[in-house]
Amino acid sequence: MTGSTQTAGATLIDETDEEYFASPAIDQSQVKKFMHNPADWGWERLHGGMEPTPAMKFGTAFHAYLLGTADVTAMPEDMNPRTKEAREWKAEQEAQGALIVSQQDMQLLDRMRDNLRRDDERARMIDEGLREQAIEWTDARTGLRLKAKLDLIPRDSLWLVDIKTAASAQPDDFARSAWLHGYHIQAEFYRAAVMMIDPALLHRPHRDSLGMQFWVFEKQDACDWRPWSIRASSEIAECARTSIRQALLRLAECVEKAGDA
């Protein structure tokens, strides 16, 4: 962990993914799993999550490459992966904290980053904002310790940003995907996290946010991308806030019963 800042019961933390996932605090993914099936949530809390799939590993590299939070590299094309030289190269890269992807995935990542960097405003938001920062706080009504790790908290902005890959970046297509994967829950959970932090520490004008802006990338061909937003004033955001509150109240009851058992 490289550093943290405490503010009114909440902590802004600069930490690795490994440190973040090791924290016992509850994140939005766990809240969504609890909503779907409390038994699955309980099993995962006891036994840990699944091993990352190739798609999950690509997603990690995708975030790091676009946001510039870690080195991402591919094995040189003229290097035979079965050789001692290749094994030594891989070990050296991993020791330095680099994420290794295939040459094909590296080409996709290059197109994605190049497409985004052509938008001067979005590029500035990345360069000046807080990237992959974690927040931990205590929920006042339940006493549960919660956590969130946001892709991007832009400076001097009223929006929060999360980046996604999708089969299609077209608005109607992504709207269906967003509902299916509970991105409205994520958006409101993250907005609540940022509200716990002094906006001066984040270089933002207000504690509240207008909502979450998703930057949606297609992971194929030209790697087209589009922004897609969930406003805090929308009906789906209100639905998310109600669902989160109900889930946290039920989750707190389960935690209390488990402690009494």
Protein backbone atom coordinates (compact mmCIF):
# COMPACT_ATOMS: atom_id res chain seq x y z
CA MET A 1 0.00 0.00 0.00
CA THR A 2 1.49 3.33 -1.03
CA GLY A 3 -0.64 5.69 1.03
CA SER A 4 -4.01 6.63 2.48
CA THR A 5 -5.86 9.76 3.61
CA GLN A 6 -8.46 9.70 6.39
CA THR A 7 -11.44 12.04 6.24
CA ALA A 8 -14.57 11.98 8.44
CA GLY A 9 -14.77 8.20 8.76
CA ALA A 10 -13.79 7.48 5.15
CA THR A 11 -10.35 6.64 3.81
CA LEU A 12 -8.95 7.44 0.38
CA ILE A 13 -6.40 4.72 -0.38
CA ASP A 14 -3.76 4.27 -3.05
CA GLU A 15 -3.36 0.49 -3.12
CA THR A 16 -2.82 -2.45 -5.45
CA ASP A 17 -5.64 -4.70 -6.64
CA GLU A 18 -4.28 -7.46 -4.39
CA GLU A 19 -4.47 -5.19 -1.33
CA TYR A 20 -7.93 -3.99 -2.31
CA PHE A 21 -9.38 -7.48 -2.74
CA ALA A 22 -7.76 -8.64 0.51
CA SER A 23 -9.70 -6.03 2.50
CA PRO A 24 -12.74 -7.54 4.29
CA ALA A 25 -14.87 -4.48 3.48
CA ILE A 26 -17.86 -5.07 1.17
CA ASP A 27 -17.82 -3.77 -2.41
CA GLN A 28 -20.50 -3.32 -5.04
CA SER A 29 -19.81 -6.70 -6.64
CA GLN A 30 -20.53 -8.40 -3.33
CA VAL A 31 -23.70 -6.36 -2.88
CA LYS A 32 -24.92 -7.47 -6.32
CA LYS A 33 -24.05 -11.09 -5.54
CA PHE A 34 -25.97 -10.84 -2.26
CA MET A 35 -28.97 -9.42 -4.12
CA HIS A 36 -28.86 -12.37 -6.51
CA ASN A 37 -28.30 -15.09 -3.91
CA PRO A 38 -27.20 -14.56 -0.29
CA ALA A 39 -25.88 -18.14 -0.14
CA ASP A 40 -23.49 -17.46 -3.04
CA TRP A 41 -22.33 -14.28 -1.31
CA GLY A 42 -21.69 -16.16 1.92
CA TRP A 43 -19.79 -18.95 0.17
CA GLU A 44 -17.55 -16.45 -1.62
CA ARG A 45 -16.86 -14.56 1.61
CA LEU A 46 -15.69 -17.81 3.21
CA HIS A 47 -13.79 -19.30 0.29
CA GLY A 48 -12.73 -16.35 -1.87
CA GLY A 49 -13.57 -15.54 -5.46
CA MET A 50 -12.84 -17.56 -8.57
CA GLU A 51 -9.51 -17.56 -10.37
CA PRO A 52 -9.41 -14.79 -12.99
CA THR A 53 -10.51 -15.88 -16.46
CA PRO A 54 -8.73 -14.74 -19.66
CA ALA A 55 -11.47 -12.14 -20.12
CA MET A 56 -10.92 -10.84 -16.59
CA LYS A 57 -7.15 -10.67 -17.15
CA PHE A 58 -7.71 -8.71 -20.35
CA GLY A 59 -10.00 -6.35 -18.45
CA THR A 60 -7.28 -5.71 -15.87
CA ALA A 61 -4.76 -4.96 -18.61
CA PHE A 62 -7.32 -2.82 -20.45
CA HIS A 63 -7.85 -0.59 -17.41
CA ALA A 64 -4.13 -0.32 -16.67
CA TYR A 65 -3.22 0.52 -20.27
CA LEU A 66 -5.91 3.15 -20.82
CA LEU A 67 -5.43 4.79 -17.44
CA GLY A 68 -1.64 4.45 -17.33
CA THR A 69 -1.63 2.82 -13.90
CA ALA A 70 0.66 -0.12 -14.72
CA ASP A 71 3.00 -1.27 -17.48
CA VAL A 72 1.42 -3.57 -20.05
CA THR A 73 3.59 -5.46 -22.51
CA ALA A 74 3.59 -8.35 -24.99
CA MET A 75 6.32 -10.88 -25.64
CA PRO A 76 8.45 -9.90 -28.67
CA GLU A 77 7.16 -11.59 -31.81
CA ASP A 78 10.53 -13.17 -32.58
CA MET A 79 10.78 -14.81 -29.14
CA ASN A 80 9.81 -18.47 -28.81
CA PRO A 81 7.62 -18.79 -25.68
CA ARG A 82 8.96 -22.30 -25.00
CA THR A 83 12.57 -21.18 -24.60
CA LYS A 84 14.54 -20.37 -21.47
CA GLU A 85 14.97 -16.83 -22.81
CA ALA A 86 11.19 -16.39 -22.92
CA ARG A 87 10.74 -17.73 -19.39
CA GLU A 88 13.41 -15.38 -18.08
CA TRP A 89 11.83 -12.45 -19.95
CA LYS A 90 8.41 -13.24 -18.46
CA ALA A 91 9.80 -13.59 -14.94
CA GLU A 92 11.62 -10.26 -15.27
CA GLN A 93 8.52 -8.45 -16.51
CA GLU A 94 6.35 -9.87 -13.73
CA ALA A 95 8.98 -8.99 -11.11
CA GLN A 96 8.74 -5.38 -12.30
CA GLY A 97 4.94 -5.44 -11.94
CA ALA A 98 4.16 -5.49 -15.67
CA LEU A 99 1.03 -7.13 -17.06
CA ILE A 100 1.71 -9.48 -19.96
CA VAL A 101 -0.75 -9.88 -22.84
CA SER A 102 -0.66 -11.56 -26.22
CA GLN A 103 0.43 -9.71 -29.35
CA GLN A 104 -3.17 -9.79 -30.57
CA ASP A 105 -4.49 -8.26 -27.34
CA MET A 106 -1.71 -5.67 -27.41
CA GLN A 107 -2.90 -4.52 -30.83
CA LEU A 108 -6.44 -4.16 -29.49
CA LEU A 109 -5.20 -2.17 -26.50
CA ASP A 110 -3.20 0.13 -28.76
CA ARG A 111 -6.28 0.86 -30.87
CA MET A 112 -8.42 1.47 -27.79
CA ARG A 113 -5.93 3.88 -26.23
CA ASP A 114 -5.27 5.69 -29.51
CA ASN A 115 -9.00 6.16 -30.08
CA LEU A 116 -9.49 7.60 -26.61
CA ARG A 117 -6.42 9.86 -26.69
CA ARG A 118 -7.78 11.54 -29.84
CA ASP A 119 -10.43 13.07 -27.59
CA ASP A 120 -8.46 15.88 -25.92
CA GLU A 121 -11.00 16.43 -23.16
CA ARG A 122 -11.12 12.76 -22.15
CA ALA A 123 -7.33 12.53 -22.32
CA ARG A 124 -7.08 15.54 -20.00
CA MET A 125 -9.53 13.95 -17.56
CA ILE A 126 -7.27 10.91 -17.33
CA ASP A 127 -4.03 12.86 -17.07
CA GLU A 128 -5.29 15.19 -14.33
CA GLY A 129 -7.70 12.93 -12.45
CA LEU A 130 -7.30 10.33 -9.70
CA ARG A 131 -7.00 6.90 -11.28
CA GLU A 132 -7.89 3.56 -9.68
CA GLN A 133 -8.22 5.05 -6.20
CA ALA A 134 -9.91 3.03 -3.46
CA ILE A 135 -12.28 4.43 -0.85
CA GLU A 136 -13.32 2.67 2.37
CA TRP A 137 -16.06 3.97 4.62
CA THR A 138 -18.55 2.89 7.26
CA ASP A 139 -22.22 2.83 6.35
CA ALA A 140 -23.95 4.95 8.99
CA ARG A 141 -27.19 2.94 9.14
CA THR A 142 -25.76 -0.58 9.31
CA GLY A 143 -22.20 -0.14 10.57
CA LEU A 144 -20.94 -2.24 7.64
CA ARG A 145 -17.50 -1.38 6.32
CA LEU A 146 -17.78 -0.71 2.57
CA LYS A 147 -15.22 -0.18 -0.18
CA ALA A 148 -15.03 0.95 -3.78
CA LYS A 149 -12.22 1.29 -6.30
CA LEU A 150 -13.04 3.83 -8.97
CA ASP A 151 -11.45 3.84 -12.40
CA LEU A 152 -11.33 7.62 -12.65
CA ILE A 153 -12.33 10.54 -10.42
CA PRO A 154 -11.88 13.49 -12.79
CA ARG A 155 -10.55 16.76 -11.46
CA ASP A 156 -12.90 19.77 -11.53
CA SER A 157 -15.77 17.65 -12.83
CA LEU A 158 -19.25 16.70 -11.67
CA TRP A 159 -19.01 13.22 -13.22
CA LEU A 160 -17.33 9.97 -12.22
CA VAL A 161 -15.91 7.67 -14.88
CA ASP A 162 -15.81 3.91 -15.35
CA ILE A 163 -14.43 2.17 -18.44
CA LYS A 164 -15.98 -0.96 -19.92
CA THR A 165 -15.62 -3.34 -22.83
CA ALA A 166 -18.77 -4.55 -24.55
CA ALA A 167 -19.87 -6.47 -27.63
CA SER A 168 -21.45 -3.22 -28.85
CA ALA A 169 -20.97 0.38 -27.79
CA GLN A 170 -24.26 1.43 -29.38
CA PRO A 171 -26.44 3.13 -26.74
CA ASP A 172 -29.42 0.74 -26.93
CA ASP A 173 -27.17 -2.31 -26.87
CA PHE A 174 -25.13 -1.11 -23.92
CA ALA A 175 -28.25 -0.04 -22.02
CA ARG A 176 -29.41 -3.67 -22.03
CA SER A 177 -25.95 -4.84 -20.97
CA ALA A 178 -25.82 -2.22 -18.21
CA TRP A 179 -29.11 -3.41 -16.74
CA LEU A 180 -28.10 -7.08 -17.04
CA HIS A 181 -24.77 -6.54 -15.24
CA GLY A 182 -26.10 -4.10 -12.64
CA TYR A 183 -24.05 -1.09 -13.71
CA HIS A 184 -26.71 1.17 -12.20
CA ILE A 185 -25.91 -0.42 -8.82
CA GLN A 186 -22.20 0.18 -9.41
CA ALA A 187 -22.78 3.80 -10.42
CA GLU A 188 -24.74 4.68 -7.27
CA PHE A 189 -22.46 2.70 -4.97
CA TYR A 190 -19.44 4.59 -6.31
CA ARG A 191 -21.24 7.93 -6.11
CA ALA A 192 -21.98 7.23 -2.44
CA ALA A 193 -18.30 6.43 -1.86
CA VAL A 194 -17.10 9.71 -3.35
CA MET A 195 -19.64 11.65 -1.29
CA MET A 196 -17.83 10.43 1.84
CA ILE A 197 -14.58 12.18 0.85
CA ASP A 198 -13.82 15.89 1.27
CA PRO A 199 -14.12 17.24 -2.30
CA ALA A 200 -11.05 19.42 -1.76
CA LEU A 201 -8.94 16.25 -1.53
CA LEU A 202 -10.31 15.16 -4.90
CA HIS A 203 -10.00 18.62 -6.52
CA ARG A 204 -13.74 18.58 -7.23
CA PRO A 205 -16.23 21.45 -6.86
CA HIS A 206 -18.88 19.51 -4.92
CA ARG A 207 -19.20 16.44 -2.72
CA ASP A 208 -22.04 15.05 -4.87
CA SER A 209 -21.77 13.95 -8.50
CA LEU A 210 -24.13 14.21 -11.44
CA GLY A 211 -23.69 10.47 -11.92
CA MET A 212 -21.47 7.94 -13.65
CA GLN A 213 -20.16 8.25 -17.18
CA PHE A 214 -19.18 4.92 -18.73
CA TRP A 215 -16.65 4.91 -21.56
CA VAL A 216 -17.67 1.84 -23.54
CA PHE A 217 -15.20 0.14 -25.90
CA GLU A 218 -15.87 -2.55 -28.46
CA LYS A 219 -13.19 -5.23 -28.21
CA GLN A 220 -12.92 -5.94 -31.91
CA ASP A 221 -12.03 -4.48 -35.31
CA ALA A 222 -11.75 -0.67 -35.02
CA CYS A 223 -12.39 -0.75 -31.23
CA ASP A 224 -15.01 1.97 -31.52
CA TRP A 225 -16.03 3.63 -28.26
CA ARG A 226 -18.79 5.88 -26.91
CA PRO A 227 -19.65 7.54 -23.60
CA TRP A 228 -22.85 6.40 -21.88
CA SER A 229 -24.17 7.96 -18.70
CA ILE A 230 -26.38 7.19 -15.72
CA ARG A 231 -27.54 10.40 -14.07
CA ALA A 232 -28.12 10.43 -10.34
CA SER A 233 -31.47 12.11 -11.00
CA SER A 234 -32.71 9.27 -13.25
CA GLU A 235 -35.30 6.65 -12.28
CA ILE A 236 -32.78 3.82 -12.68
CA ALA A 237 -30.42 5.55 -10.23
CA GLU A 238 -33.26 5.95 -7.72
CA CYS A 239 -34.03 2.25 -8.18
CA ALA A 240 -30.36 1.46 -7.53
CA ARG A 241 -30.26 3.51 -4.32
CA THR A 242 -33.35 1.72 -2.99
CA SER A 243 -31.94 -1.69 -3.94
CA ILE A 244 -28.57 -0.97 -2.32
CA ARG A 245 -30.17 0.22 0.93
CA GLN A 246 -32.43 -2.83 1.16
CA ALA A 247 -29.50 -5.15 0.41
CA LEU A 248 -27.25 -3.54 3.03
CA LEU A 249 -29.96 -3.80 5.70
CA ARG A 250 -30.52 -7.49 4.93
CA LEU A 251 -26.78 -8.11 4.69
CA ALA A 252 -26.20 -6.51 8.09
CA GLU A 253 -28.83 -8.83 9.58
CA CYS A 254 -27.03 -11.84 8.10
CA VAL A 255 -23.68 -10.65 9.48
CA GLU A 256 -25.21 -10.11 12.93
CA LYS A 257 -26.81 -13.58 12.96
CA ALA A 258 -23.54 -15.18 11.84
CA GLY A 259 -21.75 -13.39 14.68
CA ASP A 260 -24.28 -14.68 17.22
CA ALA A 261 -24.08 -18.25 15.94
